[in-house]
């Protein structure tokens, strides 16, 4: 059984590469905070700025080109992924011309 305050650990893969990582988050992290934290941690791991966060499995045939994560900024990871966080993964995609 999952403890109520256990972190959610997700798998992240940089699109069209073999590079990946795992990041853990407090379940009460908002989507806005989540995207910011992922971008900061990804910069530290991959030295890449301007990343979009994409939920794996959301794009059909070319999942790595799916639209960026689109939940309300104030929604929490717990509200969205409480029952499936162990099977949820994400892609990280560089935004063209990001500074």
PDB file of N, CA and C in Angstrom:
ATOM      1  N   UNK A   1       0.835  -1.186   0.000  1.00  0.00           N
ATOM      2  CA  UNK A   1       0.000   0.000   0.000  1.00  0.00           C
ATOM      3  C   UNK A   1       0.877   1.246   0.000  1.00  0.00           C
ATOM      4  N   UNK A   2       0.489   2.254  -0.769  1.00  0.00           N
ATOM      5  CA  UNK A   2       1.239   3.496  -0.866  1.00  0.00           C
ATOM      6  C   UNK A   2       0.908   4.373   0.332  1.00  0.00           C
ATOM      7  N   UNK A   3       1.943   4.907   0.939  1.00  0.00           N
ATOM      8  CA  UNK A   3       1.742   5.838   2.040  1.00  0.00           C
ATOM      9  C   UNK A   3       1.210   7.158   1.480  1.00  0.00           C
ATOM     10  N   UNK A   4       0.335   7.849   2.191  1.00  0.00           N
ATOM     11  CA  UNK A   4      -0.282   9.071   1.685  1.00  0.00           C
ATOM     12  C   UNK A   4       0.724  10.151   1.283  1.00  0.00           C
ATOM     13  N   UNK A   5       1.848  10.231   1.956  1.00  0.00           N
ATOM     14  CA  UNK A   5       2.812  11.288   1.667  1.00  0.00           C
ATOM     15  C   UNK A   5       4.010  10.806   0.867  1.00  0.00           C
ATOM     16  N   UNK A   6       3.945   9.620   0.279  1.00  0.00           N
ATOM     17  CA  UNK A   6       5.041   9.108  -0.532  1.00  0.00           C
ATOM     18  C   UNK A   6       5.193   9.947  -1.796  1.00  0.00           C
ATOM     19  N   UNK A   7       6.439  10.144  -2.199  1.00  0.00           N
ATOM     20  CA  UNK A   7       6.681  10.858  -3.446  1.00  0.00           C
ATOM     21  C   UNK A   7       6.238  10.025  -4.637  1.00  0.00           C
ATOM     22  N   UNK A   8       5.878  10.705  -5.719  1.00  0.00           N
ATOM     23  CA  UNK A   8       5.594  10.050  -6.989  1.00  0.00           C
ATOM     24  C   UNK A   8       6.877  10.127  -7.811  1.00  0.00           C
ATOM     25  N   UNK A   9       7.360   8.999  -8.281  1.00  0.00           N
ATOM     26  CA  UNK A   9       8.549   8.971  -9.120  1.00  0.00           C
ATOM     27  C   UNK A   9       8.125   8.641 -10.540  1.00  0.00           C
ATOM     28  N   UNK A  10       8.549   9.495 -11.475  1.00  0.00           N
ATOM     29  CA  UNK A  10       8.192   9.336 -12.881  1.00  0.00           C
ATOM     30  C   UNK A  10       9.444   9.149 -13.734  1.00  0.00           C
ATOM     31  N   UNK A  11       9.274   8.455 -14.830  1.00  0.00           N
ATOM     32  CA  UNK A  11      10.314   8.245 -15.843  1.00  0.00           C
ATOM     33  C   UNK A  11      10.168   9.343 -16.891  1.00  0.00           C
ATOM     34  N   UNK A  12      11.297   9.942 -17.281  1.00  0.00           N
ATOM     35  CA  UNK A  12      11.319  10.981 -18.304  1.00  0.00           C
ATOM     36  C   UNK A  12      12.333  10.585 -19.368  1.00  0.00           C
ATOM     37  N   UNK A  13      11.959  10.721 -20.639  1.00  0.00           N
ATOM     38  CA  UNK A  13      12.850  10.401 -21.754  1.00  0.00           C
ATOM     39  C   UNK A  13      12.942  11.604 -22.676  1.00  0.00           C
ATOM     40  N   UNK A  14      14.158  11.947 -23.040  1.00  0.00           N
ATOM     41  CA  UNK A  14      14.380  13.020 -23.999  1.00  0.00           C
ATOM     42  C   UNK A  14      14.010  12.484 -25.386  1.00  0.00           C
ATOM     43  N   UNK A  15      13.084  13.151 -26.082  1.00  0.00           N
ATOM     44  CA  UNK A  15      12.560  12.618 -27.351  1.00  0.00           C
ATOM     45  C   UNK A  15      13.673  12.315 -28.347  1.00  0.00           C
ATOM     46  N   UNK A  16      13.466  11.230 -29.077  1.00  0.00           N
ATOM     47  CA  UNK A  16      14.348  10.776 -30.143  1.00  0.00           C
ATOM     48  C   UNK A  16      15.802  10.582 -29.702  1.00  0.00           C
ATOM     49  N   UNK A  17      15.993  10.247 -28.432  1.00  0.00           N
ATOM     50  CA  UNK A  17      17.324   9.911 -27.914  1.00  0.00           C
ATOM     51  C   UNK A  17      17.183   8.686 -27.019  1.00  0.00           C
ATOM     52  N   UNK A  18      18.283   8.245 -26.492  1.00  0.00           N
ATOM     53  CA  UNK A  18      18.271   7.169 -25.506  1.00  0.00           C
ATOM     54  C   UNK A  18      18.464   7.723 -24.099  1.00  0.00           C
ATOM     55  N   UNK A  19      18.470   9.040 -23.960  1.00  0.00           N
ATOM     56  CA  UNK A  19      18.680   9.679 -22.666  1.00  0.00           C
ATOM     57  C   UNK A  19      17.388   9.678 -21.857  1.00  0.00           C
ATOM     58  N   UNK A  20      17.514   9.311 -20.590  1.00  0.00           N
ATOM     59  CA  UNK A  20      16.342   9.285 -19.719  1.00  0.00           C
ATOM     60  C   UNK A  20      16.772   9.539 -18.284  1.00  0.00           C
ATOM     61  N   UNK A  21      15.800   9.779 -17.423  1.00  0.00           N
ATOM     62  CA  UNK A  21      16.059   9.990 -16.000  1.00  0.00           C
ATOM     63  C   UNK A  21      14.763   9.736 -15.234  1.00  0.00           C
ATOM     64  N   UNK A  22      14.889   9.698 -13.938  1.00  0.00           N
ATOM     65  CA  UNK A  22      13.747   9.569 -13.039  1.00  0.00           C
ATOM     66  C   UNK A  22      13.761  10.759 -12.093  1.00  0.00           C
ATOM     67  N   UNK A  23      12.605  11.365 -11.884  1.00  0.00           N
ATOM     68  CA  UNK A  23      12.465  12.462 -10.936  1.00  0.00           C
ATOM     69  C   UNK A  23      11.314  12.127  -9.996  1.00  0.00           C
ATOM     70  N   UNK A  24      11.470  12.540  -8.745  1.00  0.00           N
ATOM     71  CA  UNK A  24      10.433  12.308  -7.736  1.00  0.00           C
ATOM     72  C   UNK A  24       9.830  13.626  -7.288  1.00  0.00           C
ATOM     73  N   UNK A  25       8.529  13.585  -6.995  1.00  0.00           N
ATOM     74  CA  UNK A  25       7.794  14.792  -6.634  1.00  0.00           C
ATOM     75  C   UNK A  25       6.820  14.505  -5.507  1.00  0.00           C
ATOM     76  N   UNK A  26       6.580  15.514  -4.706  1.00  0.00           N
ATOM     77  CA  UNK A  26       5.525  15.452  -3.705  1.00  0.00           C
ATOM     78  C   UNK A  26       4.196  15.379  -4.456  1.00  0.00           C
ATOM     79  N   UNK A  27       3.294  14.519  -4.051  1.00  0.00           N
ATOM     80  CA  UNK A  27       2.004  14.399  -4.748  1.00  0.00           C
ATOM     81  C   UNK A  27       1.189  15.694  -4.780  1.00  0.00           C
ATOM     82  N   UNK A  28       1.448  16.602  -3.857  1.00  0.00           N
ATOM     83  CA  UNK A  28       0.693  17.849  -3.822  1.00  0.00           C
ATOM     84  C   UNK A  28       1.329  18.966  -4.651  1.00  0.00           C
ATOM     85  N   UNK A  29       2.332  18.619  -5.444  1.00  0.00           N
ATOM     86  CA  UNK A  29       2.938  19.569  -6.377  1.00  0.00           C
ATOM     87  C   UNK A  29       1.909  19.920  -7.448  1.00  0.00           C
ATOM     88  N   UNK A  30       1.773  21.219  -7.741  1.00  0.00           N
ATOM     89  CA  UNK A  30       0.848  21.622  -8.799  1.00  0.00           C
ATOM     90  C   UNK A  30       1.491  21.366 -10.164  1.00  0.00           C
ATOM     91  N   UNK A  31       0.671  21.343 -11.201  1.00  0.00           N
ATOM     92  CA  UNK A  31       1.182  21.140 -12.556  1.00  0.00           C
ATOM     93  C   UNK A  31       2.155  22.260 -12.928  1.00  0.00           C
ATOM     94  N   UNK A  32       1.851  23.479 -12.543  1.00  0.00           N
ATOM     95  CA  UNK A  32       2.768  24.585 -12.842  1.00  0.00           C
ATOM     96  C   UNK A  32       4.124  24.355 -12.170  1.00  0.00           C
ATOM     97  N   UNK A  33       4.113  23.970 -10.900  1.00  0.00           N
ATOM     98  CA  UNK A  33       5.357  23.680 -10.183  1.00  0.00           C
ATOM     99  C   UNK A  33       6.069  22.481 -10.806  1.00  0.00           C
ATOM    100  N   UNK A  34       5.300  21.470 -11.163  1.00  0.00           N
ATOM    101  CA  UNK A  34       5.843  20.256 -11.765  1.00  0.00           C
ATOM    102  C   UNK A  34       6.627  20.587 -13.033  1.00  0.00           C
ATOM    103  N   UNK A  35       6.022  21.355 -13.936  1.00  0.00           N
ATOM    104  CA  UNK A  35       6.693  21.710 -15.187  1.00  0.00           C
ATOM    105  C   UNK A  35       7.971  22.498 -14.912  1.00  0.00           C
ATOM    106  N   UNK A  36       7.912  23.423 -13.967  1.00  0.00           N
ATOM    107  CA  UNK A  36       9.094  24.223 -13.623  1.00  0.00           C
ATOM    108  C   UNK A  36      10.196  23.345 -13.046  1.00  0.00           C
ATOM    109  N   UNK A  37       9.833  22.465 -12.114  1.00  0.00           N
ATOM    110  CA  UNK A  37      10.829  21.580 -11.502  1.00  0.00           C
ATOM    111  C   UNK A  37      11.441  20.628 -12.524  1.00  0.00           C
ATOM    112  N   UNK A  38      10.620  20.091 -13.412  1.00  0.00           N
ATOM    113  CA  UNK A  38      11.130  19.187 -14.453  1.00  0.00           C
ATOM    114  C   UNK A  38      12.116  19.931 -15.341  1.00  0.00           C
ATOM    115  N   UNK A  39      11.777  21.127 -15.735  1.00  0.00           N
ATOM    116  CA  UNK A  39      12.677  21.907 -16.601  1.00  0.00           C
ATOM    117  C   UNK A  39      13.996  22.210 -15.902  1.00  0.00           C
ATOM    118  N   UNK A  40      13.941  22.560 -14.628  1.00  0.00           N
ATOM    119  CA  UNK A  40      15.162  22.849 -13.866  1.00  0.00           C
ATOM    120  C   UNK A  40      16.019  21.595 -13.701  1.00  0.00           C
ATOM    121  N   UNK A  41      15.397  20.493 -13.325  1.00  0.00           N
ATOM    122  CA  UNK A  41      16.142  19.250 -13.135  1.00  0.00           C
ATOM    123  C   UNK A  41      16.697  18.737 -14.458  1.00  0.00           C
ATOM    124  N   UNK A  42      15.948  18.906 -15.535  1.00  0.00           N
ATOM    125  CA  UNK A  42      16.410  18.468 -16.847  1.00  0.00           C
ATOM    126  C   UNK A  42      17.583  19.305 -17.320  1.00  0.00           C
ATOM    127  N   UNK A  43      17.564  20.586 -17.000  1.00  0.00           N
ATOM    128  CA  UNK A  43      18.711  21.430 -17.351  1.00  0.00           C
ATOM    129  C   UNK A  43      19.954  20.902 -16.641  1.00  0.00           C
ATOM    130  N   UNK A  44      19.809  20.547 -15.370  1.00  0.00           N
ATOM    131  CA  UNK A  44      20.943  20.011 -14.611  1.00  0.00           C
ATOM    132  C   UNK A  44      21.442  18.684 -15.191  1.00  0.00           C
ATOM    133  N   UNK A  45      20.535  17.842 -15.665  1.00  0.00           N
ATOM    134  CA  UNK A  45      20.927  16.524 -16.205  1.00  0.00           C
ATOM    135  C   UNK A  45      21.393  16.576 -17.650  1.00  0.00           C
ATOM    136  N   UNK A  46      20.724  17.369 -18.476  1.00  0.00           N
ATOM    137  CA  UNK A  46      20.983  17.347 -19.914  1.00  0.00           C
ATOM    138  C   UNK A  46      21.558  18.649 -20.460  1.00  0.00           C
ATOM    139  N   UNK A  47      21.595  19.707 -19.624  1.00  0.00           N
ATOM    140  CA  UNK A  47      22.080  21.022 -20.040  1.00  0.00           C
ATOM    141  C   UNK A  47      21.288  21.553 -21.235  1.00  0.00           C
ATOM    142  N   UNK A  48      19.978  21.372 -21.177  1.00  0.00           N
ATOM    143  CA  UNK A  48      19.084  21.816 -22.247  1.00  0.00           C
ATOM    144  C   UNK A  48      18.029  22.741 -21.642  1.00  0.00           C
ATOM    145  N   UNK A  49      17.808  23.869 -22.291  1.00  0.00           N
ATOM    146  CA  UNK A  49      16.745  24.780 -21.848  1.00  0.00           C
ATOM    147  C   UNK A  49      15.562  24.683 -22.804  1.00  0.00           C
ATOM    148  N   UNK A  50      14.441  25.221 -22.374  1.00  0.00           N
ATOM    149  CA  UNK A  50      13.265  25.279 -23.242  1.00  0.00           C
ATOM    150  C   UNK A  50      12.669  23.923 -23.538  1.00  0.00           C
ATOM    151  N   UNK A  51      12.300  23.193 -22.511  1.00  0.00           N
ATOM    152  CA  UNK A  51      11.719  21.871 -22.709  1.00  0.00           C
ATOM    153  C   UNK A  51      10.210  21.877 -22.509  1.00  0.00           C
ATOM    154  N   UNK A  52       9.525  21.078 -23.309  1.00  0.00           N
ATOM    155  CA  UNK A  52       8.104  20.809 -23.109  1.00  0.00           C
ATOM    156  C   UNK A  52       7.989  19.445 -22.433  1.00  0.00           C
ATOM    157  N   UNK A  53       6.988  19.318 -21.575  1.00  0.00           N
ATOM    158  CA  UNK A  53       6.731  18.063 -20.873  1.00  0.00           C
ATOM    159  C   UNK A  53       5.502  17.425 -21.510  1.00  0.00           C
ATOM    160  N   UNK A  54       5.665  16.199 -21.984  1.00  0.00           N
ATOM    161  CA  UNK A  54       4.606  15.506 -22.703  1.00  0.00           C
ATOM    162  C   UNK A  54       4.284  14.198 -21.987  1.00  0.00           C
ATOM    163  N   UNK A  55       3.028  13.942 -21.729  1.00  0.00           N
ATOM    164  CA  UNK A  55       2.645  12.679 -21.107  1.00  0.00           C
ATOM    165  C   UNK A  55       2.742  11.565 -22.141  1.00  0.00           C
ATOM    166  N   UNK A  56       3.507  10.542 -21.848  1.00  0.00           N
ATOM    167  CA  UNK A  56       3.672   9.420 -22.775  1.00  0.00           C
ATOM    168  C   UNK A  56       2.317   8.759 -23.026  1.00  0.00           C
ATOM    169  N   UNK A  57       2.118   8.347 -24.263  1.00  0.00           N
ATOM    170  CA  UNK A  57       0.872   7.681 -24.618  1.00  0.00           C
ATOM    171  C   UNK A  57      -0.243   8.624 -25.011  1.00  0.00           C
ATOM    172  N   UNK A  58       0.060   9.910 -25.077  1.00  0.00           N
ATOM    173  CA  UNK A  58      -1.007  10.872 -25.375  1.00  0.00           C
ATOM    174  C   UNK A  58      -1.015  11.343 -26.822  1.00  0.00           C
ATOM    175  N   UNK A  59      -0.129  10.781 -27.658  1.00  0.00           N
ATOM    176  CA  UNK A  59      -0.017  11.324 -29.000  1.00  0.00           C
ATOM    177  C   UNK A  59      -0.293  10.392 -30.144  1.00  0.00           C
ATOM    178  N   UNK A  60      -0.812   9.227 -29.877  1.00  0.00           N
ATOM    179  CA  UNK A  60      -1.117   8.326 -30.981  1.00  0.00           C
ATOM    180  C   UNK A  60       0.130   7.748 -31.616  1.00  0.00           C
ATOM    181  N   UNK A  61       0.191   7.802 -32.937  1.00  0.00           N
ATOM    182  CA  UNK A  61       1.258   7.137 -33.680  1.00  0.00           C
ATOM    183  C   UNK A  61       2.646   7.658 -33.357  1.00  0.00           C
ATOM    184  N   UNK A  62       2.832   8.969 -33.290  1.00  0.00           N
ATOM    185  CA  UNK A  62       4.135   9.549 -32.965  1.00  0.00           C
ATOM    186  C   UNK A  62       4.021  10.239 -31.611  1.00  0.00           C
ATOM    187  N   UNK A  63       4.039   9.447 -30.565  1.00  0.00           N
ATOM    188  CA  UNK A  63       3.802   9.950 -29.208  1.00  0.00           C
ATOM    189  C   UNK A  63       4.782  11.037 -28.801  1.00  0.00           C
ATOM    190  N   UNK A  64       5.994  10.984 -29.326  1.00  0.00           N
ATOM    191  CA  UNK A  64       6.996  11.978 -28.937  1.00  0.00           C
ATOM    192  C   UNK A  64       6.686  13.368 -29.512  1.00  0.00           C
ATOM    193  N   UNK A  65       5.737  13.425 -30.437  1.00  0.00           N
ATOM    194  CA  UNK A  65       5.334  14.719 -31.003  1.00  0.00           C
ATOM    195  C   UNK A  65       3.960  15.163 -30.491  1.00  0.00           C
ATOM    196  N   UNK A  66       3.474  14.526 -29.470  1.00  0.00           N
ATOM    197  CA  UNK A  66       2.172  14.879 -28.883  1.00  0.00           C
ATOM    198  C   UNK A  66       2.228  16.292 -28.296  1.00  0.00           C
ATOM    199  N   UNK A  67       1.080  16.907 -28.078  1.00  0.00           N
ATOM    200  CA  UNK A  67       1.054  18.246 -27.467  1.00  0.00           C
ATOM    201  C   UNK A  67       1.609  18.208 -26.043  1.00  0.00           C
ATOM    202  N   UNK A  68       2.080  19.357 -25.603  1.00  0.00           N
ATOM    203  CA  UNK A  68       2.594  19.478 -24.244  1.00  0.00           C
ATOM    204  C   UNK A  68       1.484  19.193 -23.228  1.00  0.00           C
ATOM    205  N   UNK A  69       1.892  18.758 -22.053  1.00  0.00           N
ATOM    206  CA  UNK A  69       0.984  18.504 -20.939  1.00  0.00           C
ATOM    207  C   UNK A  69       0.033  19.686 -20.781  1.00  0.00           C
ATOM    208  N   UNK A  70      -1.268  19.404 -20.737  1.00  0.00           N
ATOM    209  CA  UNK A  70      -2.256  20.478 -20.734  1.00  0.00           C
ATOM    210  C   UNK A  70      -3.317  20.237 -19.663  1.00  0.00           C
ATOM    211  N   UNK A  71      -2.911  20.401 -18.414  1.00  0.00           N
ATOM    212  CA  UNK A  71      -3.831  20.348 -17.280  1.00  0.00           C
ATOM    213  C   UNK A  71      -3.847  21.731 -16.645  1.00  0.00           C
ATOM    214  N   UNK A  72      -4.871  22.063 -15.902  1.00  0.00           N
ATOM    215  CA  UNK A  72      -4.883  23.367 -15.215  1.00  0.00           C
ATOM    216  C   UNK A  72      -3.649  23.510 -14.321  1.00  0.00           C
ATOM    217  N   UNK A  73      -3.048  24.697 -14.324  1.00  0.00           N
ATOM    218  CA  UNK A  73      -1.832  24.960 -13.546  1.00  0.00           C
ATOM    219  C   UNK A  73      -1.987  24.641 -12.065  1.00  0.00           C
ATOM    220  N   UNK A  74      -3.202  24.768 -11.545  1.00  0.00           N
ATOM    221  CA  UNK A  74      -3.420  24.575 -10.111  1.00  0.00           C
ATOM    222  C   UNK A  74      -3.750  23.131  -9.730  1.00  0.00           C
ATOM    223  N   UNK A  75      -3.973  22.272 -10.725  1.00  0.00           N
ATOM    224  CA  UNK A  75      -4.231  20.855 -10.434  1.00  0.00           C
ATOM    225  C   UNK A  75      -2.969  20.244  -9.836  1.00  0.00           C
ATOM    226  N   UNK A  76      -3.141  19.298  -8.935  1.00  0.00           N
ATOM    227  CA  UNK A  76      -1.981  18.658  -8.316  1.00  0.00           C
ATOM    228  C   UNK A  76      -1.715  17.292  -8.959  1.00  0.00           C
ATOM    229  N   UNK A  77      -0.501  16.810  -8.771  1.00  0.00           N
ATOM    230  CA  UNK A  77      -0.157  15.481  -9.273  1.00  0.00           C
ATOM    231  C   UNK A  77      -1.070  14.427  -8.654  1.00  0.00           C
ATOM    232  N   UNK A  78      -1.398  14.608  -7.392  1.00  0.00           N
ATOM    233  CA  UNK A  78      -2.296  13.653  -6.723  1.00  0.00           C
ATOM    234  C   UNK A  78      -3.658  13.624  -7.414  1.00  0.00           C
ATOM    235  N   UNK A  79      -4.200  14.793  -7.744  1.00  0.00           N
ATOM    236  CA  UNK A  79      -5.521  14.860  -8.386  1.00  0.00           C
ATOM    237  C   UNK A  79      -5.516  14.175  -9.751  1.00  0.00           C
ATOM    238  N   UNK A  80      -4.416  14.278 -10.463  1.00  0.00           N
ATOM    239  CA  UNK A  80      -4.357  13.748 -11.827  1.00  0.00           C
ATOM    240  C   UNK A  80      -3.878  12.298 -11.871  1.00  0.00           C
ATOM    241  N   UNK A  81      -2.864  11.979 -11.067  1.00  0.00           N
ATOM    242  CA  UNK A  81      -2.198  10.681 -11.201  1.00  0.00           C
ATOM    243  C   UNK A  81      -2.316   9.761  -9.985  1.00  0.00           C
ATOM    244  N   UNK A  82      -3.171  10.074  -9.051  1.00  0.00           N
ATOM    245  CA  UNK A  82      -3.243   9.305  -7.811  1.00  0.00           C
ATOM    246  C   UNK A  82      -3.338   7.792  -8.030  1.00  0.00           C
ATOM    247  N   UNK A  83      -4.108   7.367  -9.019  1.00  0.00           N
ATOM    248  CA  UNK A  83      -4.332   5.935  -9.210  1.00  0.00           C
ATOM    249  C   UNK A  83      -3.454   5.319 -10.291  1.00  0.00           C
ATOM    250  N   UNK A  84      -2.660   6.137 -10.987  1.00  0.00           N
ATOM    251  CA  UNK A  84      -1.843   5.555 -12.060  1.00  0.00           C
ATOM    252  C   UNK A  84      -0.430   6.144 -12.142  1.00  0.00           C
ATOM    253  N   UNK A  85       0.043   6.763 -11.067  1.00  0.00           N
ATOM    254  CA  UNK A  85       1.372   7.383 -11.146  1.00  0.00           C
ATOM    255  C   UNK A  85       2.478   6.371 -11.388  1.00  0.00           C
ATOM    256  N   UNK A  86       2.302   5.137 -10.957  1.00  0.00           N
ATOM    257  CA  UNK A  86       3.343   4.125 -11.151  1.00  0.00           C
ATOM    258  C   UNK A  86       3.479   3.709 -12.609  1.00  0.00           C
ATOM    259  N   UNK A  87       2.472   3.960 -13.415  1.00  0.00           N
ATOM    260  CA  UNK A  87       2.509   3.567 -14.823  1.00  0.00           C
ATOM    261  C   UNK A  87       2.522   4.769 -15.766  1.00  0.00           C
ATOM    262  N   UNK A  88       2.770   5.954 -15.225  1.00  0.00           N
ATOM    263  CA  UNK A  88       2.807   7.164 -16.037  1.00  0.00           C
ATOM    264  C   UNK A  88       4.251   7.559 -16.311  1.00  0.00           C
ATOM    265  N   UNK A  89       4.527   7.932 -17.548  1.00  0.00           N
ATOM    266  CA  UNK A  89       5.860   8.376 -17.948  1.00  0.00           C
ATOM    267  C   UNK A  89       5.710   9.621 -18.815  1.00  0.00           C
ATOM    268  N   UNK A  90       6.823  10.306 -19.032  1.00  0.00           N
ATOM    269  CA  UNK A  90       6.797  11.558 -19.778  1.00  0.00           C
ATOM    270  C   UNK A  90       7.948  11.632 -20.770  1.00  0.00           C
ATOM    271  N   UNK A  91       7.709  12.389 -21.832  1.00  0.00           N
ATOM    272  CA  UNK A  91       8.768  12.760 -22.770  1.00  0.00           C
ATOM    273  C   UNK A  91       9.161  14.198 -22.484  1.00  0.00           C
ATOM    274  N   UNK A  92      10.410  14.510 -22.795  1.00  0.00           N
ATOM    275  CA  UNK A  92      10.903  15.883 -22.732  1.00  0.00           C
ATOM    276  C   UNK A  92      11.296  16.269 -24.153  1.00  0.00           C
ATOM    277  N   UNK A  93      10.735  17.371 -24.640  1.00  0.00           N
ATOM    278  CA  UNK A  93      10.995  17.797 -26.016  1.00  0.00           C
ATOM    279  C   UNK A  93      11.519  19.222 -26.018  1.00  0.00           C
ATOM    280  N   UNK A  94      12.582  19.455 -26.761  1.00  0.00           N
ATOM    281  CA  UNK A  94      13.147  20.801 -26.908  1.00  0.00           C
ATOM    282  C   UNK A  94      12.193  21.672 -27.699  1.00  0.00           C
ATOM    283  N   UNK A  95      12.022  22.890 -27.253  1.00  0.00           N
ATOM    284  CA  UNK A  95      11.198  23.862 -27.968  1.00  0.00           C
ATOM    285  C   UNK A  95      12.112  24.566 -28.970  1.00  0.00           C
ATOM    286  N   UNK A  96      11.763  24.569 -30.258  1.00  0.00           N
ATOM    287  CA  UNK A  96      12.594  25.262 -31.237  1.00  0.00           C
ATOM    288  C   UNK A  96      12.768  26.735 -30.874  1.00  0.00           C
ATOM    289  N   UNK A  97      13.968  27.213 -31.037  1.00  0.00           N
ATOM    290  CA  UNK A  97      14.324  28.625 -30.801  1.00  0.00           C
ATOM    291  C   UNK A  97      14.144  29.049 -29.343  1.00  0.00           C
ATOM    292  N   UNK A  98      14.216  28.118 -28.406  1.00  0.00           N
ATOM    293  CA  UNK A  98      14.119  28.467 -26.987  1.00  0.00           C
ATOM    294  C   UNK A  98      15.433  29.088 -26.534  1.00  0.00           C
ATOM    295  N   UNK A  99      15.323  30.115 -25.715  1.00  0.00           N
ATOM    296  CA  UNK A  99      16.524  30.798 -25.220  1.00  0.00           C
ATOM    297  C   UNK A  99      16.797  30.346 -23.814  1.00  0.00           C
TER     298      UNK A  99
END
